[in-house]
C-alpha cells in the first residue's frame, strides 16, 4: 500500500510540473528579424557617403568618408561634424529592420503610404565603396504606428520599417549633427 501511495505522489508531481517552453531555433529567430543591410548585401564599412534629405523641401546634409576613412561633412566644411552621429547614421541605414513587404501592383496608390510626386518624408541616398548606390525613401507612419512605409531603389515592394532607426534618422534630419 505504501508503494502505491509513493508511486501516485511521484506521478502527480511529475504531471503538475510546468512543461518547458518550446524552443525557437536560431535559424527561426533570424528569419523573424529582417535587416535592410542583409537584403542589400551592405555593411557599414561599405558605405562611403550618405545624403539625408527631406524630399519635400530638399533640405538636408551629407556625410562622407575621407581617404583615411574618417567621416566628414563635405557640404559644410566650415562646421564640425559629430563623428559618432555620422557612424550612427551609417549604422542605422544598414540595420534598418523591416517587418514585411507588400508588392506594388497597378492598383497600388503610393499616396496611401505617404509618397507624393516629391517623395515621402525622408530620403537616404547611400553611396558604396564599389561606386554603386541605394536610395531609400520613407513615407508615412503606418496606422498602427509600429513602423514607417518605405521604398528601396526601384523594387516593386513597399517595406514596413521598424520605428527605431527611422525615428533616429528623422531626428538627425531635423537637427543635423553639425555645429
Protein backbone atom coordinates (compact mmCIF):
# COMPACT_ATOMS: atom_id res chain seq x y z
CA UNK A 1 0.00 0.00 0.00
CA UNK A 2 2.82 2.40 0.85
CA UNK A 3 4.48 1.66 -2.52
CA UNK A 4 1.25 2.54 -4.36
CA UNK A 5 0.93 5.79 -2.39
CA UNK A 6 4.52 6.79 -3.16
CA UNK A 7 4.02 5.95 -6.86
CA UNK A 8 0.87 8.10 -7.00
CA UNK A 9 2.66 11.03 -5.35
CA UNK A 10 5.56 10.77 -7.85
CA UNK A 11 3.18 10.59 -10.84
CA UNK A 12 1.17 13.55 -9.56
CA UNK A 13 4.33 15.59 -9.00
CA UNK A 14 5.61 14.85 -12.50
CA UNK A 15 2.29 15.76 -14.11
CA UNK A 16 1.94 19.05 -12.27
CA UNK A 17 5.43 20.30 -13.22
CA UNK A 18 5.36 23.11 -15.77
CA UNK A 19 6.39 22.00 -19.21
CA UNK A 20 9.42 23.73 -20.73
CA UNK A 21 8.61 26.40 -23.29
CA UNK A 22 9.03 25.43 -26.89
CA UNK A 23 12.46 26.34 -28.07
CA UNK A 24 12.91 28.51 -31.14
CA UNK A 25 15.95 27.67 -33.18
CA UNK A 26 18.49 30.35 -34.06
CA UNK A 27 17.56 29.94 -37.73
CA UNK A 28 13.88 30.63 -36.97
CA UNK A 29 14.82 33.72 -34.93
CA UNK A 30 16.95 35.09 -37.76
CA UNK A 31 14.03 34.65 -40.16
CA UNK A 32 11.87 36.88 -37.93
CA UNK A 33 14.43 39.70 -37.97
CA UNK A 34 14.95 41.25 -41.38
CA UNK A 35 17.66 43.84 -41.87
CA UNK A 36 17.88 46.02 -44.95
CA UNK A 37 21.68 45.73 -44.92
CA UNK A 38 21.41 41.97 -45.30
CA UNK A 39 18.79 42.33 -48.02
CA UNK A 40 21.05 44.72 -49.99
CA UNK A 41 24.30 42.97 -49.00
CA UNK A 42 25.68 46.17 -47.45
CA UNK A 43 27.87 46.53 -44.37
CA UNK A 44 28.67 49.76 -42.53
CA UNK A 45 32.23 49.73 -43.85
CA UNK A 46 30.90 49.54 -47.43
CA UNK A 47 29.27 52.97 -47.05
CA UNK A 48 31.37 55.93 -48.21
CA UNK A 49 28.66 58.61 -48.25
CA UNK A 50 25.10 59.23 -47.11
CA UNK A 51 22.82 62.09 -48.05
CA UNK A 52 19.96 62.60 -45.56
CA UNK A 53 17.29 64.78 -47.13
CA UNK A 54 13.72 65.99 -46.76
CA UNK A 55 12.31 65.38 -50.26
CA UNK A 56 9.54 67.95 -49.72
CA UNK A 57 11.91 70.86 -49.00
CA UNK A 58 15.14 69.40 -50.41
CA UNK A 59 16.87 70.40 -47.16
CA UNK A 60 19.37 68.01 -45.67
CA UNK A 61 23.03 67.22 -45.25
CA UNK A 62 25.68 64.81 -46.48
CA UNK A 63 28.34 62.83 -44.73
CA UNK A 64 31.21 61.06 -46.44
CA UNK A 65 34.44 59.30 -45.63
CA UNK A 66 37.76 60.93 -46.45
CA UNK A 67 40.76 58.99 -47.81
CA UNK A 68 41.57 57.76 -44.29
CA UNK A 69 38.02 56.52 -43.68
CA UNK A 70 37.07 59.33 -41.32
CA UNK A 71 33.58 60.83 -41.54
CA UNK A 72 33.37 64.40 -42.86
CA UNK A 73 30.63 66.86 -43.85
CA UNK A 74 31.63 67.86 -47.41
CA UNK A 75 28.72 70.27 -47.89
CA UNK A 76 29.57 72.07 -44.63
CA UNK A 77 33.37 72.39 -44.41
CA UNK A 78 33.05 75.35 -42.02
CA UNK A 79 31.10 73.24 -39.48
CA UNK A 80 32.18 70.47 -37.13
CA UNK A 81 30.62 67.08 -37.72
CA UNK A 82 29.66 64.91 -34.77
CA UNK A 83 31.61 61.85 -35.91
CA UNK A 84 29.78 59.49 -33.56
CA UNK A 85 26.45 60.62 -35.04
CA UNK A 86 27.86 60.08 -38.55
CA UNK A 87 28.82 56.50 -37.61
CA UNK A 88 25.37 56.00 -36.11
CA UNK A 89 23.70 57.25 -39.31
CA UNK A 90 25.62 54.71 -41.41
CA UNK A 91 24.81 52.01 -38.88
CA UNK A 92 21.12 52.97 -38.88
CA UNK A 93 20.97 52.59 -42.65
CA UNK A 94 22.45 49.09 -42.52
CA UNK A 95 20.42 47.98 -39.51
CA UNK A 96 17.06 49.29 -40.72
CA UNK A 97 14.78 46.49 -39.63
CA UNK A 98 11.65 45.72 -41.55
CA UNK A 99 8.68 43.62 -40.61
CA UNK A 100 7.28 42.82 -44.00
CA UNK A 101 6.94 43.89 -47.60
CA UNK A 102 3.91 44.49 -49.76
CA UNK A 103 4.05 44.00 -53.52
CA UNK A 104 3.36 47.08 -55.62
CA UNK A 105 0.73 46.39 -58.26
CA UNK A 106 -1.09 48.51 -60.83
CA UNK A 107 -3.76 49.17 -58.19
CA UNK A 108 -1.29 50.40 -55.54
CA UNK A 109 -1.69 54.08 -54.72
CA UNK A 110 1.64 55.23 -53.28
CA UNK A 111 -0.07 58.29 -51.76
CA UNK A 112 -1.77 55.88 -49.33
CA UNK A 113 1.71 55.10 -47.99
CA UNK A 114 2.88 58.71 -47.74
CA UNK A 115 4.56 59.18 -51.10
CA UNK A 116 3.67 62.07 -53.40
CA UNK A 117 5.36 63.40 -56.54
CA UNK A 118 8.29 64.70 -54.47
CA UNK A 119 8.70 61.55 -52.40
CA UNK A 120 7.99 60.87 -48.74
CA UNK A 121 9.22 62.47 -45.53
CA UNK A 122 12.82 61.25 -45.66
CA UNK A 123 15.24 60.29 -48.40
CA UNK A 124 18.50 58.45 -47.83
CA UNK A 125 20.94 58.31 -50.72
CA UNK A 126 23.74 55.88 -49.97
CA UNK A 127 26.99 55.58 -51.96
CA UNK A 128 29.09 52.45 -51.53
CA UNK A 129 32.82 51.99 -52.00
CA UNK A 130 32.24 49.99 -55.20
CA UNK A 131 30.51 53.14 -56.60
CA UNK A 132 27.08 51.50 -56.52
CA UNK A 133 24.30 53.28 -54.66
CA UNK A 134 20.95 52.77 -52.99
CA UNK A 135 18.06 55.15 -52.41
CA UNK A 136 15.70 54.62 -49.50
CA UNK A 137 12.53 56.71 -49.35
CA UNK A 138 10.50 56.81 -46.14
CA UNK A 139 6.79 57.57 -46.34
CA UNK A 140 4.19 57.97 -43.63
CA UNK A 141 3.92 56.10 -40.38
CA UNK A 142 1.66 53.04 -40.51
CA UNK A 143 -1.80 53.41 -38.92
CA UNK A 144 -0.73 51.03 -36.14
CA UNK A 145 2.30 53.29 -35.51
CA UNK A 146 4.60 50.24 -35.41
CA UNK A 147 6.67 51.45 -38.33
CA UNK A 148 7.08 53.59 -41.42
CA UNK A 149 6.41 52.67 -45.02
CA UNK A 150 9.44 52.75 -47.28
CA UNK A 151 10.63 52.25 -50.82
CA UNK A 152 14.06 50.92 -51.71
CA UNK A 153 15.72 51.54 -55.07
CA UNK A 154 13.43 50.50 -57.90
CA UNK A 155 12.00 47.47 -56.13
CA UNK A 156 8.37 46.58 -56.69
CA UNK A 157 7.59 46.38 -53.00
CA UNK A 158 6.78 48.61 -50.06
CA UNK A 159 8.73 47.90 -46.88
CA UNK A 160 7.32 48.31 -43.38
CA UNK A 161 10.37 49.59 -41.47
CA UNK A 162 10.60 49.41 -37.69
CA UNK A 163 10.47 52.81 -35.99
CA UNK A 164 13.80 52.83 -34.12
CA UNK A 165 16.25 53.59 -36.92
CA UNK A 166 13.76 55.70 -38.87
CA UNK A 167 12.96 57.84 -35.81
CA UNK A 168 16.70 58.32 -35.25
CA UNK A 169 17.29 59.34 -38.87
CA UNK A 170 14.36 61.77 -38.79
CA UNK A 171 15.83 63.32 -35.64
CA UNK A 172 19.15 63.76 -37.44
CA UNK A 173 17.36 65.39 -40.37
CA UNK A 174 15.64 67.91 -38.09
CA UNK A 175 18.80 68.62 -36.11
CA UNK A 176 21.82 67.68 -38.25
CA UNK A 177 24.96 66.55 -36.40
CA UNK A 178 26.79 69.76 -37.34
CA UNK A 179 27.95 72.60 -35.11
